[in-house]
Amino acid sequence: MMTVSGYYASLVFGVIAGVVSLMWMLHIALYIFPSPPVTPFLNDLFTSLDQAFGLFGTSAFALFCFYMIMCVVKGNIKVGFRLLLFAVYPMKLNGTLMSSFLFNTGLIMLSSISVIQFCARAFDGYAAETSVSEIFGDELNHLRGLGELFANNVFLYVFFGFSLLSMFVLAHTEVQDAHKPKRAIESLYK
């Protein structure tokens, strides 16, 4: 059962997550999609934080990258690995099999490579001339077959579309779940 301070903490972290999500969407729309970027936005923020104190920019960069990984974990737990209408390896509280746990861990680890590639592309102004920007920037554009997809930002458009779709779906399902009684409350009435 949550206390009042738990609800305040949820509110604070929810507002922070909303601001970070909005900043991600703005950065994608203003920096990644236009061929000459409108503004470097978060790249300039990280650079100016680095100029204030070196750890601030790196910490902000890590916060945005870690937030993206946490979104992958949330999506994996919420949606799971589904084939049409049924879940193959569901993640349930106090009901997850070890094989489901290991499969979902592998799925998250596989997704983390995509998150690294996305962050390297999104923050190539901040992380310029690093090994990550070289590997995930120049090398991917020269792959046979997939290089054209990376060069034309096809995966980024798909990502942006799924992000907007999941924002609306999660907002709807979280509101619906809020109206249902919680397990702790249900156990009190049994």
Protein backbone atom coordinates (compact mmCIF):
# COMPACT_ATOMS: atom_id res chain seq x y z
CA MET A 1 0.00 0.00 0.00
CA MET A 2 1.33 3.42 -0.92
CA THR A 3 1.61 6.24 1.56
CA VAL A 4 1.09 9.92 0.89
CA SER A 5 4.82 10.42 0.30
CA GLY A 6 4.72 7.60 -2.26
CA TYR A 7 1.99 9.41 -4.17
CA TYR A 8 4.00 12.65 -4.09
CA ALA A 9 7.08 10.79 -5.33
CA SER A 10 5.00 9.25 -8.13
CA LEU A 11 3.77 12.71 -9.07
CA VAL A 12 7.29 14.18 -9.12
CA PHE A 13 8.76 11.31 -11.14
CA GLY A 14 5.75 11.37 -13.48
CA VAL A 15 6.24 15.06 -14.18
CA ILE A 16 9.99 14.53 -14.74
CA ALA A 17 9.27 11.63 -17.11
CA GLY A 18 6.73 13.77 -18.99
CA VAL A 19 9.23 16.61 -19.39
CA VAL A 20 11.98 14.23 -20.57
CA SER A 21 9.58 12.60 -23.05
CA LEU A 22 8.53 15.98 -24.39
CA MET A 23 12.17 17.04 -24.74
CA TRP A 24 12.93 13.79 -26.61
CA MET A 25 10.05 14.36 -29.03
CA LEU A 26 11.06 17.98 -29.60
CA HIS A 27 14.67 16.95 -30.19
CA ILE A 28 13.61 14.33 -32.71
CA ALA A 29 11.34 16.78 -34.52
CA LEU A 30 13.80 19.70 -34.49
CA TYR A 31 17.18 17.99 -34.88
CA ILE A 32 16.85 14.56 -36.45
CA PHE A 33 14.03 14.84 -39.02
CA PRO A 34 14.91 18.09 -40.86
CA SER A 35 17.83 17.62 -43.25
CA PRO A 36 19.54 20.77 -42.08
CA PRO A 37 18.62 20.63 -38.36
CA VAL A 38 16.53 23.53 -37.14
CA THR A 39 18.41 23.64 -33.84
CA PRO A 40 20.89 21.39 -32.02
CA PHE A 41 18.56 21.64 -28.97
CA LEU A 42 19.75 18.93 -26.51
CA ASN A 43 23.25 18.83 -28.01
CA ASP A 44 23.65 22.51 -27.08
CA LEU A 45 22.19 21.83 -23.64
CA PHE A 46 24.73 19.08 -22.96
CA THR A 47 27.59 21.20 -24.27
CA SER A 48 26.61 24.18 -22.12
CA LEU A 49 26.26 21.90 -19.07
CA ASP A 50 29.75 20.53 -19.84
CA GLN A 51 31.12 24.05 -19.89
CA ALA A 52 29.62 24.73 -16.45
CA PHE A 53 31.02 21.49 -14.97
CA GLY A 54 32.16 18.46 -16.94
CA LEU A 55 30.03 15.97 -15.07
CA PHE A 56 26.75 17.87 -15.62
CA GLY A 57 26.65 17.35 -19.39
CA THR A 58 27.64 13.71 -19.12
CA SER A 59 25.02 13.15 -16.41
CA ALA A 60 22.30 14.78 -18.49
CA PHE A 61 23.34 12.71 -21.52
CA ALA A 62 23.23 9.55 -19.37
CA LEU A 63 19.81 10.55 -18.00
CA PHE A 64 18.31 10.81 -21.49
CA CYS A 65 19.90 7.53 -22.64
CA PHE A 66 18.91 5.70 -19.45
CA TYR A 67 15.37 7.06 -19.77
CA MET A 68 15.17 5.54 -23.25
CA ILE A 69 16.26 2.15 -21.85
CA MET A 70 13.64 2.44 -19.09
CA CYS A 71 11.00 3.09 -21.76
CA VAL A 72 12.09 -0.12 -23.49
CA VAL A 73 11.78 -2.03 -20.19
CA LYS A 74 8.33 -0.51 -19.51
CA GLY A 75 7.18 -1.39 -23.02
CA ASN A 76 8.49 -4.93 -22.65
CA ILE A 77 6.66 -5.43 -19.37
CA LYS A 78 3.47 -3.77 -20.57
CA VAL A 79 3.23 -5.33 -24.01
CA GLY A 80 5.61 -8.27 -23.77
CA PHE A 81 6.29 -10.57 -26.68
CA ARG A 82 2.91 -11.01 -28.34
CA LEU A 83 1.93 -13.09 -31.32
CA LEU A 84 -1.38 -11.73 -32.59
CA LEU A 85 -3.73 -11.99 -29.61
CA PHE A 86 -1.79 -13.94 -26.98
CA ALA A 87 1.42 -13.35 -25.07
CA VAL A 88 4.19 -15.90 -25.53
CA TYR A 89 6.43 -14.87 -22.64
CA PRO A 90 4.33 -12.69 -20.31
CA MET A 91 5.78 -10.79 -17.37
CA LYS A 92 3.37 -10.95 -14.42
CA LEU A 93 3.88 -9.93 -10.82
CA ASN A 94 4.64 -13.08 -8.77
CA GLY A 95 3.83 -15.26 -11.77
CA THR A 96 6.72 -15.02 -14.23
CA LEU A 97 8.40 -18.25 -15.24
CA MET A 98 12.18 -18.34 -15.38
CA SER A 99 12.13 -18.99 -19.14
CA SER A 100 9.91 -15.91 -19.62
CA PHE A 101 12.22 -13.83 -17.47
CA LEU A 102 15.33 -14.92 -19.40
CA PHE A 103 13.66 -14.40 -22.78
CA ASN A 104 12.52 -10.89 -21.86
CA THR A 105 15.96 -10.07 -20.46
CA GLY A 106 17.48 -11.12 -23.79
CA LEU A 107 14.91 -9.04 -25.64
CA ILE A 108 15.78 -5.97 -23.56
CA MET A 109 19.51 -6.56 -24.11
CA LEU A 110 18.90 -6.85 -27.86
CA SER A 111 16.90 -3.61 -27.76
CA SER A 112 19.70 -1.83 -25.90
CA ILE A 113 21.87 -1.97 -29.04
CA SER A 114 19.13 -0.13 -30.92
CA VAL A 115 18.88 2.43 -28.13
CA ILE A 116 22.65 3.02 -28.30
CA GLN A 117 22.41 3.50 -32.06
CA PHE A 118 19.47 5.87 -31.66
CA CYS A 119 21.23 7.93 -28.97
CA ALA A 120 24.40 8.08 -31.08
CA ARG A 121 22.32 9.43 -33.97
CA ALA A 122 20.28 11.80 -31.82
CA PHE A 123 23.28 13.28 -30.02
CA ASP A 124 25.87 13.16 -32.78
CA GLY A 125 26.62 16.84 -32.21
CA TYR A 126 27.50 16.18 -28.57
CA ALA A 127 29.22 12.83 -29.09
CA ALA A 128 31.10 13.86 -32.24
CA GLU A 129 34.40 12.16 -33.02
CA THR A 130 33.80 9.26 -30.64
CA SER A 131 33.96 5.56 -31.44
CA VAL A 132 30.22 5.19 -30.99
CA SER A 133 29.43 7.95 -33.48
CA GLU A 134 31.87 6.40 -35.96
CA ILE A 135 30.43 2.89 -35.63
CA PHE A 136 26.76 3.77 -35.48
CA GLY A 137 26.96 6.83 -37.71
CA ASP A 138 29.15 6.32 -40.74
CA GLU A 139 29.39 2.54 -40.78
CA LEU A 140 25.63 1.91 -40.69
CA ASN A 141 25.00 4.22 -43.63
CA HIS A 142 27.33 2.10 -45.77
CA LEU A 143 25.67 -1.27 -45.11
CA ARG A 144 24.33 -3.01 -48.18
CA GLY A 145 20.52 -2.97 -48.20
CA LEU A 146 20.05 -1.38 -44.79
CA GLY A 147 22.22 1.64 -45.52
CA GLU A 148 19.49 3.33 -47.57
CA LEU A 149 17.00 2.81 -44.75
CA PHE A 150 19.38 4.40 -42.23
CA ALA A 151 20.28 7.24 -44.57
CA ASN A 152 16.59 8.09 -45.18
CA ASN A 153 15.70 7.84 -41.45
CA VAL A 154 13.07 5.15 -42.08
CA PHE A 155 13.66 3.54 -38.69
CA LEU A 156 13.44 6.92 -36.95
CA TYR A 157 10.07 7.65 -38.55
CA VAL A 158 8.80 4.23 -37.46
CA PHE A 159 10.17 4.85 -33.95
CA PHE A 160 8.52 8.27 -33.76
CA GLY A 161 5.19 6.84 -34.94
CA PHE A 162 5.30 4.02 -32.40
CA SER A 163 6.28 6.48 -29.67
CA LEU A 164 3.26 8.65 -30.35
CA LEU A 165 0.98 5.61 -30.59
CA SER A 166 2.28 4.11 -27.35
CA MET A 167 1.95 7.47 -25.60
CA PHE A 168 -1.78 7.52 -26.32
CA VAL A 169 -2.29 3.80 -25.60
CA LEU A 170 -0.36 3.93 -22.32
CA ALA A 171 -2.17 7.08 -21.22
CA HIS A 172 -5.49 5.35 -21.86
CA THR A 173 -4.57 2.06 -20.19
CA GLU A 174 -2.97 3.74 -17.17
CA VAL A 175 -6.15 5.75 -16.61
CA GLN A 176 -8.21 2.57 -16.93
CA ASP A 177 -5.90 0.74 -14.48
CA ALA A 178 -6.16 3.61 -12.00
CA HIS A 179 -9.89 3.03 -11.72
CA LYS A 180 -9.40 -0.65 -10.80
CA PRO A 181 -8.74 -1.53 -7.16
CA LYS A 182 -5.20 -2.52 -6.28
CA ARG A 183 -4.18 -5.96 -5.02
CA ALA A 184 -3.49 -4.77 -1.49
CA ILE A 185 -6.94 -3.26 -1.22
CA GLU A 186 -8.53 -6.40 -2.68
CA SER A 187 -6.75 -8.58 -0.13
CA LEU A 188 -8.21 -6.50 2.71
CA TYR A 189 -11.76 -7.29 1.60
CA LYS A 190 -11.29 -11.07 1.17
